[in-house]
């Protein structure tokens, strides 16, 4: 589990003038719970700061997970080490295809916490500035491994090293990677996202419906 603290930086347009993207491993157990509606609630992880509530945080983006295996691939591509939390993720997972998870997939983390996949992470200029990589937004998008945002279904405390078990996998075929392509490079896929139902991030449900109404499914 990784936590971020406010840090003033020059590369963000957040009203606060700072970011909590540089996350570090937590020391001991951390409470995870639904933080409240977007624009009001920040991170679902206690002690983790969200510095721009316009696009981050809230119940449907309470926790961000990224696979260690994908970080390892980025290490190879970028040519330098990437510690857990480098991409601003709260959960650095092992042995899970996070971007291949289905929207609505649920996982038990530790004994109590139950999380549900809602969407993939869209890269921003703050992410690019944090890594110091030119054209990072386009490069990350092209790679197609965005990691997953999750909502809290059942709150609980977790620690680094806790097991993560997938306990529900929906019957539809809408994965995080598919959803990510639909909102970035292949917008004709937007109507297909409606197959994920109410588990999909509400903003994406709205975008998919509007696209389908305008262009058809």
Protein backbone atom coordinates (compact mmCIF):
# COMPACT_ATOMS: atom_id res chain seq x y z
CA UNK A 1 0.00 0.00 0.00
CA UNK A 2 1.39 3.38 -1.04
CA UNK A 3 0.50 6.86 0.23
CA UNK A 4 1.14 10.30 -1.25
CA UNK A 5 1.64 13.58 0.59
CA UNK A 6 1.17 17.09 -0.77
CA UNK A 7 4.20 18.43 -2.60
CA UNK A 8 4.35 21.80 -4.35
CA UNK A 9 5.51 21.40 -7.96
CA UNK A 10 5.77 23.53 -11.09
CA UNK A 11 4.33 20.97 -13.50
CA UNK A 12 0.73 20.83 -12.27
CA UNK A 13 -2.27 23.02 -13.06
CA UNK A 14 -4.03 21.94 -9.87
CA UNK A 15 -5.48 24.90 -7.93
CA UNK A 16 -3.49 23.74 -4.90
CA UNK A 17 -0.22 24.08 -6.81
CA UNK A 18 0.82 20.63 -5.71
CA UNK A 19 0.38 16.90 -6.14
CA UNK A 20 0.34 13.70 -4.10
CA UNK A 21 1.39 11.49 -7.03
CA UNK A 22 4.78 10.59 -5.53
CA UNK A 23 3.56 7.74 -3.33
CA UNK A 24 5.67 5.87 -0.78
CA UNK A 25 5.06 2.57 1.03
CA UNK A 26 2.84 2.86 4.09
CA UNK A 27 4.17 1.87 7.49
CA UNK A 28 1.72 -0.59 8.99
CA UNK A 29 -2.01 -1.07 8.50
CA UNK A 30 -4.00 1.47 6.49
CA UNK A 31 -7.75 2.05 6.57
CA UNK A 32 -9.54 2.07 3.20
CA UNK A 33 -13.12 3.33 2.85
CA UNK A 34 -15.36 5.19 0.40
CA UNK A 35 -14.25 8.86 0.50
CA UNK A 36 -17.43 10.53 -0.76
CA UNK A 37 -18.61 11.97 -4.09
CA UNK A 38 -16.15 13.19 -6.69
CA UNK A 39 -15.29 16.83 -6.13
CA UNK A 40 -15.76 16.44 -2.40
CA UNK A 41 -14.04 13.21 -1.38
CA UNK A 42 -10.40 12.56 -2.12
CA UNK A 43 -8.60 9.25 -1.76
CA UNK A 44 -10.24 6.25 -0.16
CA UNK A 45 -6.92 5.44 1.50
CA UNK A 46 -6.36 7.05 4.89
CA UNK A 47 -3.32 9.33 4.85
CA UNK A 48 -3.21 9.56 1.06
CA UNK A 49 -3.66 13.11 -0.27
CA UNK A 50 -5.50 14.04 -3.47
CA UNK A 51 -4.51 17.57 -4.44
CA UNK A 52 -6.83 18.12 -7.41
CA UNK A 53 -10.41 17.05 -6.77
CA UNK A 54 -11.55 18.13 -10.24
CA UNK A 55 -10.34 14.95 -11.92
CA UNK A 56 -9.15 12.70 -9.10
CA UNK A 57 -10.58 10.96 -6.08
CA UNK A 58 -14.16 10.30 -5.07
CA UNK A 59 -16.06 7.07 -4.56
CA UNK A 60 -15.50 5.75 -8.09
CA UNK A 61 -11.75 6.47 -8.03
CA UNK A 62 -11.11 5.68 -4.39
CA UNK A 63 -8.10 3.43 -4.98
CA UNK A 64 -5.67 3.13 -7.90
CA UNK A 65 -3.92 -0.17 -8.65
CA UNK A 66 -1.05 -0.91 -11.01
CA UNK A 67 0.65 -4.22 -11.71
CA UNK A 68 4.29 -4.74 -10.74
CA UNK A 69 4.69 -6.68 -13.97
CA UNK A 70 3.71 -3.59 -15.99
CA UNK A 71 6.11 -1.46 -13.96
CA UNK A 72 8.83 -4.00 -14.79
CA UNK A 73 8.07 -3.59 -18.49
CA UNK A 74 8.27 0.18 -18.14
CA UNK A 75 11.62 -0.21 -16.38
CA UNK A 76 12.87 -2.06 -19.45
CA UNK A 77 11.47 0.54 -21.84
CA UNK A 78 12.62 3.59 -19.87
CA UNK A 79 15.94 2.16 -18.78
CA UNK A 80 15.75 2.96 -15.06
CA UNK A 81 14.21 1.49 -11.89
CA UNK A 82 10.61 2.21 -10.88
CA UNK A 83 9.71 1.60 -7.27
CA UNK A 84 6.21 0.64 -6.22
CA UNK A 85 4.14 3.82 -6.12
CA UNK A 86 6.12 5.44 -8.96
CA UNK A 87 2.99 5.74 -11.09
CA UNK A 88 0.97 7.17 -8.23
CA UNK A 89 -0.68 3.84 -7.47
CA UNK A 90 -1.97 2.97 -4.02
CA UNK A 91 -1.80 -0.76 -4.71
CA UNK A 92 1.19 -2.28 -6.49
CA UNK A 93 -0.06 -5.77 -7.29
CA UNK A 94 1.80 -8.99 -8.02
CA UNK A 95 0.51 -11.78 -10.22
CA UNK A 96 -2.61 -9.92 -11.40
CA UNK A 97 -3.39 -8.61 -14.88
CA UNK A 98 -4.82 -5.31 -13.61
CA UNK A 99 -5.43 -3.77 -17.04
CA UNK A 100 -6.99 -7.04 -18.15
CA UNK A 101 -9.48 -6.97 -15.28
CA UNK A 102 -13.13 -6.59 -16.23
CA UNK A 103 -15.17 -3.55 -15.26
CA UNK A 104 -17.15 -4.70 -12.22
CA UNK A 105 -14.59 -7.31 -11.22
CA UNK A 106 -14.32 -7.55 -7.45
CA UNK A 107 -11.31 -8.46 -5.37
CA UNK A 108 -10.81 -9.13 -1.68
CA UNK A 109 -7.68 -7.48 -0.29
CA UNK A 110 -6.66 -8.81 3.08
CA UNK A 111 -9.41 -10.18 5.31
CA UNK A 112 -11.97 -7.37 5.05
CA UNK A 113 -11.52 -4.95 2.14
CA UNK A 114 -13.62 -5.54 -0.97
CA UNK A 115 -12.90 -3.44 -4.07
CA UNK A 116 -14.62 -3.17 -7.46
CA UNK A 117 -13.02 -2.14 -10.76
CA UNK A 118 -14.62 0.96 -12.32
CA UNK A 119 -12.26 2.28 -15.02
CA UNK A 120 -8.70 2.79 -16.23
CA UNK A 121 -6.42 5.69 -15.42
CA UNK A 122 -6.20 8.49 -18.00
CA UNK A 123 -2.69 10.03 -18.06
CA UNK A 124 -2.32 13.76 -17.40
CA UNK A 125 0.37 16.43 -17.52
CA UNK A 126 1.05 16.04 -13.79
CA UNK A 127 1.87 12.37 -14.39
CA UNK A 128 4.18 13.38 -17.23
CA UNK A 129 5.88 16.05 -15.13
CA UNK A 130 6.32 13.67 -12.21
CA UNK A 131 8.19 11.14 -14.38
CA UNK A 132 10.09 13.78 -16.35
CA UNK A 133 9.46 11.95 -19.62
CA UNK A 134 8.70 13.97 -22.75
CA UNK A 135 5.59 12.93 -24.69
CA UNK A 136 4.73 10.63 -21.78
CA UNK A 137 0.96 11.05 -22.11
CA UNK A 138 1.04 9.74 -25.69
CA UNK A 139 3.52 7.01 -24.88
CA UNK A 140 1.54 5.75 -21.87
CA UNK A 141 -1.65 5.81 -23.93
CA UNK A 142 -0.04 3.85 -26.75
CA UNK A 143 1.18 1.17 -24.32
CA UNK A 144 -2.42 0.48 -23.31
CA UNK A 145 -1.76 -0.70 -19.74
CA UNK A 146 -3.46 2.01 -17.66
CA UNK A 147 -4.01 0.22 -14.37
CA UNK A 148 -7.37 0.33 -12.65
CA UNK A 149 -9.41 2.63 -10.47
CA UNK A 150 -11.53 0.90 -7.86
CA UNK A 151 -14.45 1.75 -5.61
CA UNK A 152 -14.82 0.45 -2.06
CA UNK A 153 -17.65 -2.05 -1.61
CA UNK A 154 -16.67 -3.14 1.91
CA UNK A 155 -14.16 -1.04 3.89
CA UNK A 156 -11.27 -2.51 5.81
CA UNK A 157 -7.66 -2.25 6.88
CA UNK A 158 -4.85 -3.60 4.72
CA UNK A 159 -1.09 -3.96 4.94
CA UNK A 160 1.68 -4.36 2.40
CA UNK A 161 1.92 -8.02 1.45
CA UNK A 162 -1.77 -8.79 1.98
CA UNK A 163 -3.24 -11.28 -0.47
CA UNK A 164 -5.53 -10.13 -3.28
CA UNK A 165 -8.18 -12.60 -4.42
CA UNK A 166 -10.57 -12.09 -7.33
CA UNK A 167 -13.97 -13.10 -5.93
CA UNK A 168 -16.25 -12.00 -8.79
CA UNK A 169 -15.66 -11.68 -12.52
CA UNK A 170 -18.58 -10.45 -14.66
CA UNK A 171 -19.77 -12.32 -17.74
CA UNK A 172 -19.33 -9.37 -20.13
CA UNK A 173 -16.05 -8.80 -22.00
CA UNK A 174 -15.36 -5.15 -21.15
CA UNK A 175 -11.88 -5.00 -19.64
CA UNK A 176 -10.05 -1.98 -18.30
CA UNK A 177 -7.81 -2.00 -21.38
CA UNK A 178 -10.86 -2.06 -23.68
CA UNK A 179 -12.45 0.82 -21.79
CA UNK A 180 -9.19 2.77 -21.96
CA UNK A 181 -9.01 2.43 -25.73
CA UNK A 182 -12.64 3.50 -26.01
CA UNK A 183 -12.02 6.82 -24.28
CA UNK A 184 -8.62 7.53 -25.84
CA UNK A 185 -7.80 6.12 -29.28
CA UNK A 186 -10.89 4.17 -30.42
CA UNK A 187 -13.93 6.21 -29.48
CA UNK A 188 -16.15 4.14 -31.75
CA UNK A 189 -15.93 1.53 -28.96
CA UNK A 190 -17.71 3.80 -26.47
CA UNK A 191 -21.21 2.27 -26.88
CA UNK A 192 -19.81 -1.17 -26.12
CA UNK A 193 -18.93 0.01 -22.61
CA UNK A 194 -22.61 0.00 -21.67
CA UNK A 195 -22.40 -3.78 -21.42
CA UNK A 196 -20.52 -3.27 -18.14
CA UNK A 197 -23.67 -1.81 -16.57
CA UNK A 198 -23.69 0.24 -13.38
CA UNK A 199 -20.23 -0.97 -12.35
CA UNK A 200 -18.72 1.37 -14.97
CA UNK A 201 -17.64 4.80 -13.73
CA UNK A 202 -20.77 7.02 -13.98
CA UNK A 203 -19.00 9.61 -16.13
CA UNK A 204 -18.16 6.91 -18.66
CA UNK A 205 -21.72 5.59 -18.66
CA UNK A 206 -22.85 9.11 -19.56
CA UNK A 207 -20.20 9.49 -22.28
CA UNK A 208 -21.07 6.10 -23.80
CA UNK A 209 -24.78 6.89 -23.87
CA UNK A 210 -24.25 10.28 -25.48
CA UNK A 211 -22.01 8.78 -28.15
CA UNK A 212 -24.52 6.03 -28.89
CA UNK A 213 -27.35 8.56 -29.16
CA UNK A 214 -25.35 10.70 -31.57
CA UNK A 215 -23.66 8.08 -33.72
CA UNK A 216 -25.56 4.88 -32.99
CA UNK A 217 -24.26 1.70 -31.47
